[in-house]
PDB file of N, CA and C in Angstrom:
ATOM      1  N   UNK A   1     -40.273  30.970 -28.056  1.00  0.00           N
ATOM      2  CA  UNK A   1     -40.498  29.288 -28.258  1.00  0.00           C
ATOM      3  C   UNK A   1     -41.988  29.085 -27.621  1.00  0.00           C
ATOM      4  N   UNK A   2     -43.247  28.420 -28.540  1.00  0.00           N
ATOM      5  CA  UNK A   2     -44.261  28.504 -27.599  1.00  0.00           C
ATOM      6  C   UNK A   2     -44.204  27.316 -26.963  1.00  0.00           C
ATOM      7  N   UNK A   3     -45.297  27.079 -25.637  1.00  0.00           N
ATOM      8  CA  UNK A   3     -45.328  26.113 -24.940  1.00  0.00           C
ATOM      9  C   UNK A   3     -45.928  25.325 -25.469  1.00  0.00           C
ATOM     10  N   UNK A   4     -45.323  23.652 -25.421  1.00  0.00           N
ATOM     11  CA  UNK A   4     -46.379  22.316 -26.170  1.00  0.00           C
ATOM     12  C   UNK A   4     -46.928  21.748 -24.835  1.00  0.00           C
ATOM     13  N   UNK A   5     -48.306  21.451 -24.795  1.00  0.00           N
ATOM     14  CA  UNK A   5     -48.909  20.903 -23.814  1.00  0.00           C
ATOM     15  C   UNK A   5     -49.058  19.213 -24.262  1.00  0.00           C
ATOM     16  N   UNK A   6     -49.336  18.347 -22.978  1.00  0.00           N
ATOM     17  CA  UNK A   6     -49.515  16.923 -22.940  1.00  0.00           C
ATOM     18  C   UNK A   6     -50.904  16.708 -23.790  1.00  0.00           C
ATOM     19  N   UNK A   7     -50.788  15.951 -24.565  1.00  0.00           N
ATOM     20  CA  UNK A   7     -52.574  15.659 -25.242  1.00  0.00           C
ATOM     21  C   UNK A   7     -53.083  15.067 -24.663  1.00  0.00           C
ATOM     22  N   UNK A   8     -52.958  14.214 -23.685  1.00  0.00           N
ATOM     23  CA  UNK A   8     -53.625  13.395 -22.449  1.00  0.00           C
ATOM     24  C   UNK A   8     -53.901  14.554 -21.497  1.00  0.00           C
ATOM     25  N   UNK A   9     -52.844  15.038 -20.610  1.00  0.00           N
ATOM     26  CA  UNK A   9     -53.203  15.920 -19.262  1.00  0.00           C
ATOM     27  C   UNK A   9     -53.651  16.770 -19.450  1.00  0.00           C
ATOM     28  N   UNK A  10     -53.362  17.541 -20.366  1.00  0.00           N
ATOM     29  CA  UNK A  10     -53.064  18.811 -20.747  1.00  0.00           C
ATOM     30  C   UNK A  10     -52.105  20.356 -20.007  1.00  0.00           C
ATOM     31  N   UNK A  11     -51.323  19.228 -19.220  1.00  0.00           N
ATOM     32  CA  UNK A  11     -50.159  19.901 -18.764  1.00  0.00           C
ATOM     33  C   UNK A  11     -49.102  20.320 -19.658  1.00  0.00           C
ATOM     34  N   UNK A  12     -48.383  21.230 -19.071  1.00  0.00           N
ATOM     35  CA  UNK A  12     -47.236  21.538 -20.256  1.00  0.00           C
ATOM     36  C   UNK A  12     -46.191  20.427 -20.298  1.00  0.00           C
ATOM     37  N   UNK A  13     -45.849  20.077 -21.559  1.00  0.00           N
ATOM     38  CA  UNK A  13     -44.814  19.235 -21.537  1.00  0.00           C
ATOM     39  C   UNK A  13     -43.610  19.121 -20.688  1.00  0.00           C
ATOM     40  N   UNK A  14     -43.066  20.220 -21.034  1.00  0.00           N
ATOM     41  CA  UNK A  14     -41.386  20.476 -20.564  1.00  0.00           C
ATOM     42  C   UNK A  14     -40.450  19.971 -21.297  1.00  0.00           C
ATOM     43  N   UNK A  15     -39.393  19.537 -20.344  1.00  0.00           N
ATOM     44  CA  UNK A  15     -38.170  18.977 -21.150  1.00  0.00           C
ATOM     45  C   UNK A  15     -37.746  17.978 -20.696  1.00  0.00           C
ATOM     46  N   UNK A  16     -38.418  17.224 -19.717  1.00  0.00           N
ATOM     47  CA  UNK A  16     -37.762  16.243 -19.296  1.00  0.00           C
ATOM     48  C   UNK A  16     -38.840  14.942 -19.200  1.00  0.00           C
ATOM     49  N   UNK A  17     -38.712  13.916 -19.035  1.00  0.00           N
ATOM     50  CA  UNK A  17     -39.727  12.460 -18.835  1.00  0.00           C
ATOM     51  C   UNK A  17     -40.509  13.176 -20.160  1.00  0.00           C
ATOM     52  N   UNK A  18     -40.362  12.918 -21.449  1.00  0.00           N
ATOM     53  CA  UNK A  18     -41.369  13.104 -22.563  1.00  0.00           C
ATOM     54  C   UNK A  18     -40.853  11.357 -23.023  1.00  0.00           C
ATOM     55  N   UNK A  19     -42.233  11.278 -23.787  1.00  0.00           N
ATOM     56  CA  UNK A  19     -42.088  10.052 -24.520  1.00  0.00           C
ATOM     57  C   UNK A  19     -42.631  10.130 -25.925  1.00  0.00           C
ATOM     58  N   UNK A  20     -43.112   9.280 -26.972  1.00  0.00           N
ATOM     59  CA  UNK A  20     -43.705   9.129 -27.652  1.00  0.00           C
ATOM     60  C   UNK A  20     -44.808   8.502 -28.004  1.00  0.00           C
ATOM     61  N   UNK A  21     -46.172   8.787 -28.314  1.00  0.00           N
ATOM     62  CA  UNK A  21     -47.091   7.835 -28.726  1.00  0.00           C
ATOM     63  C   UNK A  21     -48.032   7.931 -29.736  1.00  0.00           C
ATOM     64  N   UNK A  22     -47.936   6.541 -30.151  1.00  0.00           N
ATOM     65  CA  UNK A  22     -48.948   6.174 -31.436  1.00  0.00           C
ATOM     66  C   UNK A  22     -49.896   5.739 -31.136  1.00  0.00           C
ATOM     67  N   UNK A  23     -50.992   6.699 -31.674  1.00  0.00           N
ATOM     68  CA  UNK A  23     -52.692   6.250 -31.258  1.00  0.00           C
ATOM     69  C   UNK A  23     -52.906   5.249 -31.924  1.00  0.00           C
ATOM     70  N   UNK A  24     -52.545   4.934 -32.960  1.00  0.00           N
ATOM     71  CA  UNK A  24     -52.383   3.788 -33.595  1.00  0.00           C
ATOM     72  C   UNK A  24     -51.045   2.833 -33.522  1.00  0.00           C
ATOM     73  N   UNK A  25     -51.269   1.888 -32.582  1.00  0.00           N
ATOM     74  CA  UNK A  25     -50.096   1.065 -32.344  1.00  0.00           C
ATOM     75  C   UNK A  25     -48.931   0.511 -33.157  1.00  0.00           C
ATOM     76  N   UNK A  26     -47.968   0.927 -33.024  1.00  0.00           N
ATOM     77  CA  UNK A  26     -46.671   0.213 -34.458  1.00  0.00           C
ATOM     78  C   UNK A  26     -46.922  -1.186 -34.167  1.00  0.00           C
ATOM     79  N   UNK A  27     -47.809  -2.006 -33.430  1.00  0.00           N
ATOM     80  CA  UNK A  27     -47.827  -3.546 -33.571  1.00  0.00           C
ATOM     81  C   UNK A  27     -48.953  -3.630 -34.875  1.00  0.00           C
ATOM     82  N   UNK A  28     -49.918  -2.243 -35.130  1.00  0.00           N
ATOM     83  CA  UNK A  28     -50.665  -2.646 -36.195  1.00  0.00           C
ATOM     84  C   UNK A  28     -50.262  -1.311 -37.195  1.00  0.00           C
ATOM     85  N   UNK A  29     -49.159  -1.113 -37.460  1.00  0.00           N
ATOM     86  CA  UNK A  29     -48.474  -0.127 -38.469  1.00  0.00           C
ATOM     87  C   UNK A  29     -49.142   1.687 -38.285  1.00  0.00           C
ATOM     88  N   UNK A  30     -49.141   1.857 -37.166  1.00  0.00           N
ATOM     89  CA  UNK A  30     -49.018   3.239 -36.934  1.00  0.00           C
ATOM     90  C   UNK A  30     -48.160   4.079 -37.166  1.00  0.00           C
ATOM     91  N   UNK A  31     -48.171   4.926 -37.634  1.00  0.00           N
ATOM     92  CA  UNK A  31     -46.807   5.635 -38.437  1.00  0.00           C
ATOM     93  C   UNK A  31     -46.760   7.360 -37.174  1.00  0.00           C
ATOM     94  N   UNK A  32     -47.638   7.977 -36.993  1.00  0.00           N
ATOM     95  CA  UNK A  32     -47.794   9.135 -36.319  1.00  0.00           C
ATOM     96  C   UNK A  32     -47.555   9.140 -34.831  1.00  0.00           C
ATOM     97  N   UNK A  33     -46.665   9.495 -34.601  1.00  0.00           N
ATOM     98  CA  UNK A  33     -46.185  10.161 -33.005  1.00  0.00           C
ATOM     99  C   UNK A  33     -46.464  11.367 -32.074  1.00  0.00           C
ATOM    100  N   UNK A  34     -46.773  11.178 -31.329  1.00  0.00           N
ATOM    101  CA  UNK A  34     -47.062  12.366 -30.295  1.00  0.00           C
ATOM    102  C   UNK A  34     -45.926  12.318 -29.112  1.00  0.00           C
ATOM    103  N   UNK A  35     -45.618  13.853 -28.848  1.00  0.00           N
ATOM    104  CA  UNK A  35     -44.956  14.071 -27.822  1.00  0.00           C
ATOM    105  C   UNK A  35     -45.966  13.640 -26.585  1.00  0.00           C
ATOM    106  N   UNK A  36     -45.339  13.150 -25.682  1.00  0.00           N
ATOM    107  CA  UNK A  36     -46.412  12.986 -24.343  1.00  0.00           C
ATOM    108  C   UNK A  36     -45.883  12.651 -23.084  1.00  0.00           C
ATOM    109  N   UNK A  37     -45.860  13.286 -21.992  1.00  0.00           N
ATOM    110  CA  UNK A  37     -45.592  12.906 -20.402  1.00  0.00           C
ATOM    111  C   UNK A  37     -45.240  11.396 -20.718  1.00  0.00           C
ATOM    112  N   UNK A  38     -44.146  11.090 -20.026  1.00  0.00           N
ATOM    113  CA  UNK A  38     -43.809   9.565 -20.061  1.00  0.00           C
ATOM    114  C   UNK A  38     -44.855   8.622 -18.785  1.00  0.00           C
ATOM    115  N   UNK A  39     -45.340   9.657 -17.876  1.00  0.00           N
ATOM    116  CA  UNK A  39     -46.230   9.423 -16.995  1.00  0.00           C
ATOM    117  C   UNK A  39     -47.283   9.030 -17.532  1.00  0.00           C
ATOM    118  N   UNK A  40     -47.857   9.360 -18.425  1.00  0.00           N
ATOM    119  CA  UNK A  40     -49.207   9.514 -19.281  1.00  0.00           C
ATOM    120  C   UNK A  40     -48.973   8.133 -20.196  1.00  0.00           C
ATOM    121  N   UNK A  41     -47.927   8.477 -20.739  1.00  0.00           N
ATOM    122  CA  UNK A  41     -47.827   7.090 -21.682  1.00  0.00           C
ATOM    123  C   UNK A  41     -47.660   5.881 -21.128  1.00  0.00           C
ATOM    124  N   UNK A  42     -47.100   5.959 -19.914  1.00  0.00           N
ATOM    125  CA  UNK A  42     -46.953   4.389 -19.290  1.00  0.00           C
ATOM    126  C   UNK A  42     -48.406   4.241 -18.788  1.00  0.00           C
ATOM    127  N   UNK A  43     -48.995   5.258 -18.604  1.00  0.00           N
ATOM    128  CA  UNK A  43     -50.288   4.804 -17.844  1.00  0.00           C
ATOM    129  C   UNK A  43     -51.609   4.430 -19.025  1.00  0.00           C
ATOM    130  N   UNK A  44     -51.304   4.890 -20.132  1.00  0.00           N
ATOM    131  CA  UNK A  44     -52.109   4.612 -21.081  1.00  0.00           C
ATOM    132  C   UNK A  44     -52.083   2.699 -21.375  1.00  0.00           C
ATOM    133  N   UNK A  45     -50.943   2.823 -21.361  1.00  0.00           N
ATOM    134  CA  UNK A  45     -50.219   1.079 -21.875  1.00  0.00           C
ATOM    135  C   UNK A  45     -50.379   0.224 -20.791  1.00  0.00           C
ATOM    136  N   UNK A  46     -50.733   0.899 -19.665  1.00  0.00           N
ATOM    137  CA  UNK A  46     -50.738  -0.048 -18.198  1.00  0.00           C
ATOM    138  C   UNK A  46     -52.227  -0.415 -18.160  1.00  0.00           C
ATOM    139  N   UNK A  47     -53.079   0.468 -19.095  1.00  0.00           N
ATOM    140  CA  UNK A  47     -54.864   0.516 -18.909  1.00  0.00           C
ATOM    141  C   UNK A  47     -55.270  -0.314 -20.140  1.00  0.00           C
ATOM    142  N   UNK A  48     -54.550  -0.199 -21.074  1.00  0.00           N
ATOM    143  CA  UNK A  48     -55.079  -0.857 -22.536  1.00  0.00           C
ATOM    144  C   UNK A  48     -54.125  -1.739 -23.070  1.00  0.00           C
ATOM    145  N   UNK A  49     -54.928  -2.973 -23.561  1.00  0.00           N
ATOM    146  CA  UNK A  49     -54.313  -4.059 -24.586  1.00  0.00           C
ATOM    147  C   UNK A  49     -53.854  -2.934 -25.961  1.00  0.00           C
ATOM    148  N   UNK A  50     -52.867  -3.498 -26.488  1.00  0.00           N
ATOM    149  CA  UNK A  50     -52.499  -3.035 -28.088  1.00  0.00           C
ATOM    150  C   UNK A  50     -53.908  -3.013 -28.945  1.00  0.00           C
ATOM    151  N   UNK A  51     -54.559  -3.976 -28.615  1.00  0.00           N
ATOM    152  CA  UNK A  51     -56.117  -4.353 -29.655  1.00  0.00           C
ATOM    153  C   UNK A  51     -56.622  -3.191 -29.374  1.00  0.00           C
ATOM    154  N   UNK A  52     -57.157  -3.052 -27.934  1.00  0.00           N
ATOM    155  CA  UNK A  52     -57.865  -1.829 -27.234  1.00  0.00           C
ATOM    156  C   UNK A  52     -57.358  -0.586 -27.538  1.00  0.00           C
ATOM    157  N   UNK A  53     -56.464  -0.754 -28.074  1.00  0.00           N
ATOM    158  CA  UNK A  53     -56.041   1.237 -28.222  1.00  0.00           C
ATOM    159  C   UNK A  53     -56.391   0.757 -29.801  1.00  0.00           C
ATOM    160  N   UNK A  54     -56.054  -0.236 -30.477  1.00  0.00           N
ATOM    161  CA  UNK A  54     -56.570   0.140 -32.150  1.00  0.00           C
ATOM    162  C   UNK A  54     -57.859   0.248 -32.777  1.00  0.00           C
ATOM    163  N   UNK A  55     -58.820  -0.710 -31.445  1.00  0.00           N
ATOM    164  CA  UNK A  55     -60.133  -0.899 -31.957  1.00  0.00           C
ATOM    165  C   UNK A  55     -60.826   0.174 -31.413  1.00  0.00           C
ATOM    166  N   UNK A  56     -60.873   1.027 -30.133  1.00  0.00           N
ATOM    167  CA  UNK A  56     -61.567   2.073 -29.169  1.00  0.00           C
ATOM    168  C   UNK A  56     -61.013   3.252 -28.990  1.00  0.00           C
ATOM    169  N   UNK A  57     -59.357   3.013 -28.547  1.00  0.00           N
ATOM    170  CA  UNK A  57     -59.133   4.052 -28.029  1.00  0.00           C
ATOM    171  C   UNK A  57     -57.620   4.521 -28.944  1.00  0.00           C
ATOM    172  N   UNK A  58     -58.200   5.026 -29.961  1.00  0.00           N
ATOM    173  CA  UNK A  58     -57.400   5.741 -30.715  1.00  0.00           C
ATOM    174  C   UNK A  58     -57.412   7.270 -31.074  1.00  0.00           C
ATOM    175  N   UNK A  59     -57.969   7.341 -30.231  1.00  0.00           N
ATOM    176  CA  UNK A  59     -58.042   9.344 -30.361  1.00  0.00           C
ATOM    177  C   UNK A  59     -58.027   9.750 -29.077  1.00  0.00           C
ATOM    178  N   UNK A  60     -57.264  10.927 -28.813  1.00  0.00           N
ATOM    179  CA  UNK A  60     -57.073  11.721 -27.278  1.00  0.00           C
ATOM    180  C   UNK A  60     -58.399  11.750 -26.702  1.00  0.00           C
ATOM    181  N   UNK A  61     -59.403  11.712 -27.515  1.00  0.00           N
ATOM    182  CA  UNK A  61     -60.914  12.229 -26.842  1.00  0.00           C
ATOM    183  C   UNK A  61     -61.264  10.934 -26.047  1.00  0.00           C
ATOM    184  N   UNK A  62     -61.442   9.898 -26.962  1.00  0.00           N
ATOM    185  CA  UNK A  62     -61.547   8.335 -26.396  1.00  0.00           C
ATOM    186  C   UNK A  62     -61.154   8.177 -24.931  1.00  0.00           C
ATOM    187  N   UNK A  63     -59.576   8.088 -25.196  1.00  0.00           N
ATOM    188  CA  UNK A  63     -58.578   7.911 -24.096  1.00  0.00           C
ATOM    189  C   UNK A  63     -59.055   8.666 -22.803  1.00  0.00           C
ATOM    190  N   UNK A  64     -59.201   9.598 -23.152  1.00  0.00           N
ATOM    191  CA  UNK A  64     -60.076  10.911 -22.177  1.00  0.00           C
ATOM    192  C   UNK A  64     -61.226  10.468 -21.448  1.00  0.00           C
ATOM    193  N   UNK A  65     -61.966   9.679 -22.169  1.00  0.00           N
ATOM    194  CA  UNK A  65     -63.285   9.572 -21.524  1.00  0.00           C
ATOM    195  C   UNK A  65     -62.998   8.188 -20.750  1.00  0.00           C
ATOM    196  N   UNK A  66     -62.805   7.378 -20.959  1.00  0.00           N
ATOM    197  CA  UNK A  66     -62.118   6.471 -20.056  1.00  0.00           C
ATOM    198  C   UNK A  66     -62.072   6.660 -18.428  1.00  0.00           C
ATOM    199  N   UNK A  67     -62.966   6.130 -17.774  1.00  0.00           N
ATOM    200  CA  UNK A  67     -62.837   6.244 -16.284  1.00  0.00           C
ATOM    201  C   UNK A  67     -61.404   6.174 -15.496  1.00  0.00           C
ATOM    202  N   UNK A  68     -60.579   5.552 -15.895  1.00  0.00           N
ATOM    203  CA  UNK A  68     -59.538   5.326 -15.216  1.00  0.00           C
ATOM    204  C   UNK A  68     -58.610   5.765 -15.673  1.00  0.00           C
ATOM    205  N   UNK A  69     -58.615   6.490 -17.093  1.00  0.00           N
ATOM    206  CA  UNK A  69     -57.775   7.469 -17.534  1.00  0.00           C
ATOM    207  C   UNK A  69     -58.116   9.217 -16.866  1.00  0.00           C
ATOM    208  N   UNK A  70     -59.413   9.215 -16.634  1.00  0.00           N
ATOM    209  CA  UNK A  70     -60.059  10.510 -16.483  1.00  0.00           C
ATOM    210  C   UNK A  70     -59.600  10.192 -14.769  1.00  0.00           C
ATOM    211  N   UNK A  71     -59.676   9.378 -13.986  1.00  0.00           N
ATOM    212  CA  UNK A  71     -59.021   9.612 -12.779  1.00  0.00           C
ATOM    213  C   UNK A  71     -57.982  10.107 -12.771  1.00  0.00           C
ATOM    214  N   UNK A  72     -56.829   9.393 -13.468  1.00  0.00           N
ATOM    215  CA  UNK A  72     -55.448   9.749 -13.739  1.00  0.00           C
ATOM    216  C   UNK A  72     -55.435  10.975 -13.898  1.00  0.00           C
ATOM    217  N   UNK A  73     -56.010  11.427 -15.196  1.00  0.00           N
ATOM    218  CA  UNK A  73     -55.925  13.111 -15.128  1.00  0.00           C
ATOM    219  C   UNK A  73     -55.923  13.882 -14.116  1.00  0.00           C
ATOM    220  N   UNK A  74     -57.360  13.516 -13.344  1.00  0.00           N
ATOM    221  CA  UNK A  74     -57.552  14.366 -12.151  1.00  0.00           C
ATOM    222  C   UNK A  74     -56.079  14.442 -11.186  1.00  0.00           C
ATOM    223  N   UNK A  75     -55.649  13.119 -11.183  1.00  0.00           N
ATOM    224  CA  UNK A  75     -54.456  13.308  -9.983  1.00  0.00           C
ATOM    225  C   UNK A  75     -53.374  13.911 -10.390  1.00  0.00           C
ATOM    226  N   UNK A  76     -52.883  13.588 -11.860  1.00  0.00           N
ATOM    227  CA  UNK A  76     -51.477  14.235 -12.114  1.00  0.00           C
ATOM    228  C   UNK A  76     -51.403  15.495 -12.580  1.00  0.00           C
ATOM    229  N   UNK A  77     -52.753  16.118 -12.630  1.00  0.00           N
ATOM    230  CA  UNK A  77     -53.181  17.853 -12.780  1.00  0.00           C
ATOM    231  C   UNK A  77     -52.214  18.275 -11.886  1.00  0.00           C
ATOM    232  N   UNK A  78     -52.255  17.902 -10.606  1.00  0.00           N
ATOM    233  CA  UNK A  78     -51.270  18.841  -9.334  1.00  0.00           C
ATOM    234  C   UNK A  78     -49.965  18.572  -9.497  1.00  0.00           C
ATOM    235  N   UNK A  79     -49.533  17.575 -10.349  1.00  0.00           N
ATOM    236  CA  UNK A  79     -48.092  17.845 -10.652  1.00  0.00           C
ATOM    237  C   UNK A  79     -47.038  18.307 -11.579  1.00  0.00           C
ATOM    238  N   UNK A  80     -46.153  18.794 -11.049  1.00  0.00           N
ATOM    239  CA  UNK A  80     -45.300  19.536 -12.193  1.00  0.00           C
ATOM    240  C   UNK A  80     -44.915  18.472 -13.455  1.00  0.00           C
ATOM    241  N   UNK A  81     -44.559  19.389 -14.403  1.00  0.00           N
ATOM    242  CA  UNK A  81     -44.727  19.114 -15.929  1.00  0.00           C
ATOM    243  C   UNK A  81     -43.649  17.781 -15.678  1.00  0.00           C
ATOM    244  N   UNK A  82     -42.352  17.640 -15.221  1.00  0.00           N
ATOM    245  CA  UNK A  82     -41.420  16.527 -15.031  1.00  0.00           C
ATOM    246  C   UNK A  82     -41.687  15.724 -14.230  1.00  0.00           C
ATOM    247  N   UNK A  83     -42.752  15.772 -13.362  1.00  0.00           N
ATOM    248  CA  UNK A  83     -43.038  14.724 -12.645  1.00  0.00           C
ATOM    249  C   UNK A  83     -43.185  12.938 -13.086  1.00  0.00           C
ATOM    250  N   UNK A  84     -42.672  12.527 -12.614  1.00  0.00           N
ATOM    251  CA  UNK A  84     -42.636  10.760 -12.877  1.00  0.00           C
ATOM    252  C   UNK A  84     -42.750   9.996 -12.022  1.00  0.00           C
ATOM    253  N   UNK A  85     -43.553   8.981 -11.972  1.00  0.00           N
ATOM    254  CA  UNK A  85     -43.198   7.758 -10.945  1.00  0.00           C
ATOM    255  C   UNK A  85     -43.989   6.846 -11.430  1.00  0.00           C
ATOM    256  N   UNK A  86     -43.397   5.574 -11.456  1.00  0.00           N
ATOM    257  CA  UNK A  86     -43.525   4.238 -11.841  1.00  0.00           C
ATOM    258  C   UNK A  86     -44.817   4.052 -11.633  1.00  0.00           C
ATOM    259  N   UNK A  87     -45.949   3.706 -12.936  1.00  0.00           N
ATOM    260  CA  UNK A  87     -46.902   3.321 -12.992  1.00  0.00           C
ATOM    261  C   UNK A  87     -47.476   2.011 -12.858  1.00  0.00           C
ATOM    262  N   UNK A  88     -48.388   1.724 -11.836  1.00  0.00           N
ATOM    263  CA  UNK A  88     -48.870   0.311 -11.512  1.00  0.00           C
ATOM    264  C   UNK A  88     -49.466  -0.381 -12.827  1.00  0.00           C
ATOM    265  N   UNK A  89     -49.272  -1.651 -13.158  1.00  0.00           N
ATOM    266  CA  UNK A  89     -49.993  -2.140 -14.159  1.00  0.00           C
ATOM    267  C   UNK A  89     -51.462  -2.339 -13.481  1.00  0.00           C
ATOM    268  N   UNK A  90     -52.551  -2.082 -14.129  1.00  0.00           N
ATOM    269  CA  UNK A  90     -53.940  -2.355 -14.051  1.00  0.00           C
ATOM    270  C   UNK A  90     -53.976  -3.896 -13.933  1.00  0.00           C
ATOM    271  N   UNK A  91     -55.078  -4.246 -13.047  1.00  0.00           N
ATOM    272  CA  UNK A  91     -55.329  -5.639 -12.896  1.00  0.00           C
ATOM    273  C   UNK A  91     -55.971  -6.275 -14.040  1.00  0.00           C
ATOM    274  N   UNK A  92     -57.161  -5.600 -14.827  1.00  0.00           N
ATOM    275  CA  UNK A  92     -58.212  -5.779 -15.662  1.00  0.00           C
ATOM    276  C   UNK A  92     -57.477  -5.708 -17.109  1.00  0.00           C
ATOM    277  N   UNK A  93     -56.322  -5.413 -17.124  1.00  0.00           N
ATOM    278  CA  UNK A  93     -55.534  -5.322 -18.749  1.00  0.00           C
ATOM    279  C   UNK A  93     -55.300  -6.830 -18.940  1.00  0.00           C
ATOM    280  N   UNK A  94     -55.527  -7.112 -20.071  1.00  0.00           N
ATOM    281  CA  UNK A  94     -55.344  -8.425 -20.388  1.00  0.00           C
ATOM    282  C   UNK A  94     -54.314  -8.636 -22.025  1.00  0.00           C
ATOM    283  N   UNK A  95     -53.772  -9.658 -21.797  1.00  0.00           N
ATOM    284  CA  UNK A  95     -52.564  -9.702 -22.750  1.00  0.00           C
ATOM    285  C   UNK A  95     -52.863 -10.142 -24.205  1.00  0.00           C
ATOM    286  N   UNK A  96     -54.163 -10.202 -24.250  1.00  0.00           N
ATOM    287  CA  UNK A  96     -54.473 -10.691 -26.016  1.00  0.00           C
ATOM    288  C   UNK A  96     -54.996  -9.356 -26.430  1.00  0.00           C
TER     289      UNK A  96
END
């Protein structure tokens, strides 16, 4: 069995605290889902609105290039694959 890595942080996915992320949000008819750590998934959605994800952050590369996500990846890189902690909602996130 080959190990699978999180497409956001690059750590091994493991078997606990796994979510699925739509690069194109479901609200905009996105179909493809990708396994991702729950903490990484929550971080994405705490930083970006659905519309921002659709317009600008619909690739793993674009997500990883954002400064807040880059800082998060540097922080979470030291954690074990099953690590999960509640993610604070970013103050800059808009509801639009």
